[in-house]
Amino acid sequence: MPALPDAHIQFDQVLYDEDADGVLEWLRQLDPPEPRMMLVGHNPTLQELCLILTRPVFHDELESMGLPTAALMRFDEPVATGSTGWRGLAPGAARLGHRFDPRS
């Protein structure tokens, strides 16, 4: 919290109960005014969501790195575009950006 004092935090059980497709549908129904979002959850759901949202060219890299505990993935291009906001969340629309692996 000290690093993100203006962050709006929302807890939702869907991040623990749903598979990646279910989380994707949940994201599409959100209407936050913020253009950026951080999800915190568990695998295999979040790694599968990363695979859905990224272009196939990044899949080998994602699968080889995995998504270990406390890892961070950033998408450099908007995955939700245009006036549709999060409803426009599209599979394969993101370019994988910075990756932080706490093991390294």
C-alpha atoms as a PDB file:
ATOM      1  CA  MET A   1       0.000   0.000   0.000  1.00  0.00           C
ATOM      2  CA  PRO A   2       2.737   2.579   0.694  1.00  0.00           C
ATOM      3  CA  ALA A   3       3.960   2.202  -2.897  1.00  0.00           C
ATOM      4  CA  LEU A   4       0.452   2.608  -4.349  1.00  0.00           C
ATOM      5  CA  PRO A   5      -1.309   5.178  -2.140  1.00  0.00           C
ATOM      6  CA  ASP A   6      -3.913   6.108  -4.772  1.00  0.00           C
ATOM      7  CA  ALA A   7      -4.705   2.545  -5.812  1.00  0.00           C
ATOM      8  CA  HIS A   8      -8.277   1.332  -5.706  1.00  0.00           C
ATOM      9  CA  ILE A   9      -8.199  -2.191  -4.287  1.00  0.00           C
ATOM     10  CA  GLN A  10     -10.968  -4.630  -5.024  1.00  0.00           C
ATOM     11  CA  PHE A  11     -11.095  -8.193  -3.739  1.00  0.00           C
ATOM     12  CA  ASP A  12     -13.093 -10.687  -5.739  1.00  0.00           C
ATOM     13  CA  GLN A  13     -13.417 -14.417  -5.183  1.00  0.00           C
ATOM     14  CA  VAL A  14     -13.602 -14.972  -8.954  1.00  0.00           C
ATOM     15  CA  LEU A  15      -9.794 -14.761  -9.106  1.00  0.00           C
ATOM     16  CA  TYR A  16      -9.649 -17.893  -6.964  1.00  0.00           C
ATOM     17  CA  ASP A  17     -12.732 -19.784  -8.132  1.00  0.00           C
ATOM     18  CA  GLU A  18     -12.694 -19.377 -11.922  1.00  0.00           C
ATOM     19  CA  ASP A  19     -10.433 -20.665 -14.654  1.00  0.00           C
ATOM     20  CA  ALA A  20      -8.659 -18.275 -17.057  1.00  0.00           C
ATOM     21  CA  ASP A  21     -11.702 -17.989 -19.361  1.00  0.00           C
ATOM     22  CA  GLY A  22     -13.886 -17.142 -16.371  1.00  0.00           C
ATOM     23  CA  VAL A  23     -11.462 -14.450 -15.195  1.00  0.00           C
ATOM     24  CA  LEU A  24     -11.355 -13.039 -18.727  1.00  0.00           C
ATOM     25  CA  GLU A  25     -15.151 -12.754 -18.746  1.00  0.00           C
ATOM     26  CA  TRP A  26     -15.061 -11.139 -15.275  1.00  0.00           C
ATOM     27  CA  LEU A  27     -12.514  -8.581 -16.545  1.00  0.00           C
ATOM     28  CA  ARG A  28     -14.695  -7.786 -19.552  1.00  0.00           C
ATOM     29  CA  GLN A  29     -17.556  -6.903 -17.201  1.00  0.00           C
ATOM     30  CA  LEU A  30     -15.495  -4.425 -15.155  1.00  0.00           C
ATOM     31  CA  ASP A  31     -15.908  -0.763 -15.803  1.00  0.00           C
ATOM     32  CA  PRO A  32     -13.073   0.924 -13.908  1.00  0.00           C
ATOM     33  CA  PRO A  33     -12.133   4.452 -14.901  1.00  0.00           C
ATOM     34  CA  GLU A  34      -8.449   3.538 -14.592  1.00  0.00           C
ATOM     35  CA  PRO A  35      -6.633   2.643 -17.795  1.00  0.00           C
ATOM     36  CA  ARG A  36      -4.349   0.220 -15.912  1.00  0.00           C
ATOM     37  CA  MET A  37      -5.009  -2.747 -13.704  1.00  0.00           C
ATOM     38  CA  MET A  38      -2.977  -5.183 -11.633  1.00  0.00           C
ATOM     39  CA  LEU A  39      -4.307  -8.650 -10.909  1.00  0.00           C
ATOM     40  CA  VAL A  40      -3.053 -10.731  -8.011  1.00  0.00           C
ATOM     41  CA  GLY A  41      -4.043 -14.376  -7.935  1.00  0.00           C
ATOM     42  CA  HIS A  42      -2.831 -17.920  -8.340  1.00  0.00           C
ATOM     43  CA  ASN A  43      -1.740 -20.421 -10.944  1.00  0.00           C
ATOM     44  CA  PRO A  44      -2.542 -22.057 -13.172  1.00  0.00           C
ATOM     45  CA  THR A  45      -5.239 -19.429 -13.766  1.00  0.00           C
ATOM     46  CA  LEU A  46      -2.995 -16.367 -14.119  1.00  0.00           C
ATOM     47  CA  GLN A  47      -0.438 -18.068 -16.360  1.00  0.00           C
ATOM     48  CA  GLU A  48      -3.241 -19.323 -18.604  1.00  0.00           C
ATOM     49  CA  LEU A  49      -4.728 -15.807 -18.666  1.00  0.00           C
ATOM     50  CA  CYS A  50      -1.327 -14.438 -19.740  1.00  0.00           C
ATOM     51  CA  LEU A  51      -1.250 -16.989 -22.562  1.00  0.00           C
ATOM     52  CA  ILE A  52      -4.749 -15.972 -23.674  1.00  0.00           C
ATOM     53  CA  LEU A  53      -3.986 -12.241 -23.665  1.00  0.00           C
ATOM     54  CA  THR A  54      -0.565 -12.350 -25.327  1.00  0.00           C
ATOM     55  CA  ARG A  55       0.271 -12.843 -28.948  1.00  0.00           C
ATOM     56  CA  PRO A  56       1.388 -16.379 -29.857  1.00  0.00           C
ATOM     57  CA  VAL A  57       4.939 -15.145 -30.472  1.00  0.00           C
ATOM     58  CA  PHE A  58       5.329 -14.783 -26.665  1.00  0.00           C
ATOM     59  CA  HIS A  59       3.862 -18.167 -25.713  1.00  0.00           C
ATOM     60  CA  ASP A  60       7.145 -20.122 -25.756  1.00  0.00           C
ATOM     61  CA  GLU A  61       8.773 -17.519 -23.512  1.00  0.00           C
ATOM     62  CA  LEU A  62       5.839 -17.535 -21.095  1.00  0.00           C
ATOM     63  CA  GLU A  63       5.709 -21.313 -20.955  1.00  0.00           C
ATOM     64  CA  SER A  64       9.461 -21.660 -20.398  1.00  0.00           C
ATOM     65  CA  MET A  65       9.535 -19.028 -17.666  1.00  0.00           C
ATOM     66  CA  GLY A  66       6.265 -20.071 -16.118  1.00  0.00           C
ATOM     67  CA  LEU A  67       4.663 -17.806 -13.576  1.00  0.00           C
ATOM     68  CA  PRO A  68       6.369 -18.608 -10.271  1.00  0.00           C
ATOM     69  CA  THR A  69       5.194 -17.360  -6.892  1.00  0.00           C
ATOM     70  CA  ALA A  70       5.531 -13.563  -6.612  1.00  0.00           C
ATOM     71  CA  ALA A  71       6.299 -13.173 -10.336  1.00  0.00           C
ATOM     72  CA  LEU A  72       5.158 -10.069 -12.173  1.00  0.00           C
ATOM     73  CA  MET A  73       4.213  -9.783 -15.839  1.00  0.00           C
ATOM     74  CA  ARG A  74       3.537  -6.456 -17.521  1.00  0.00           C
ATOM     75  CA  PHE A  75       1.811  -6.019 -20.839  1.00  0.00           C
ATOM     76  CA  ASP A  76       3.225  -3.106 -22.833  1.00  0.00           C
ATOM     77  CA  GLU A  77       0.311  -2.605 -25.173  1.00  0.00           C
ATOM     78  CA  PRO A  78      -3.283  -2.147 -24.223  1.00  0.00           C
ATOM     79  CA  VAL A  79      -5.242  -5.329 -24.012  1.00  0.00           C
ATOM     80  CA  ALA A  80      -8.442  -3.318 -23.720  1.00  0.00           C
ATOM     81  CA  THR A  81      -8.719  -0.839 -26.551  1.00  0.00           C
ATOM     82  CA  GLY A  82     -10.961   1.890 -27.808  1.00  0.00           C
ATOM     83  CA  SER A  83     -14.165   3.187 -26.331  1.00  0.00           C
ATOM     84  CA  THR A  84     -15.281  -0.269 -25.235  1.00  0.00           C
ATOM     85  CA  GLY A  85     -12.880  -0.196 -22.264  1.00  0.00           C
ATOM     86  CA  TRP A  86     -12.471  -3.517 -20.540  1.00  0.00           C
ATOM     87  CA  ARG A  87     -15.319  -4.995 -22.601  1.00  0.00           C
ATOM     88  CA  GLY A  88     -12.879  -4.865 -25.515  1.00  0.00           C
ATOM     89  CA  LEU A  89     -10.382  -7.143 -23.808  1.00  0.00           C
ATOM     90  CA  ALA A  90      -9.168  -9.279 -26.691  1.00  0.00           C
ATOM     91  CA  PRO A  91      -7.208 -12.528 -26.789  1.00  0.00           C
ATOM     92  CA  GLY A  92      -3.827 -12.095 -28.427  1.00  0.00           C
ATOM     93  CA  ALA A  93      -3.877  -8.290 -28.194  1.00  0.00           C
ATOM     94  CA  ALA A  94      -1.027  -7.843 -25.711  1.00  0.00           C
ATOM     95  CA  ARG A  95       2.716  -7.654 -26.111  1.00  0.00           C
ATOM     96  CA  LEU A  96       4.608  -9.101 -23.176  1.00  0.00           C
ATOM     97  CA  GLY A  97       6.723  -6.400 -21.558  1.00  0.00           C
ATOM     98  CA  HIS A  98       8.709  -6.483 -18.363  1.00  0.00           C
ATOM     99  CA  ARG A  99       8.880  -9.755 -16.479  1.00  0.00           C
ATOM    100  CA  PHE A 100      10.069 -10.085 -12.902  1.00  0.00           C
ATOM    101  CA  ASP A 101      10.958 -13.509 -11.608  1.00  0.00           C
ATOM    102  CA  PRO A 102      11.835 -13.433  -7.890  1.00  0.00           C
ATOM    103  CA  ARG A 103      14.052 -16.500  -8.346  1.00  0.00           C
ATOM    104  CA  SER A 104      16.528 -14.505 -10.435  1.00  0.00           C
END
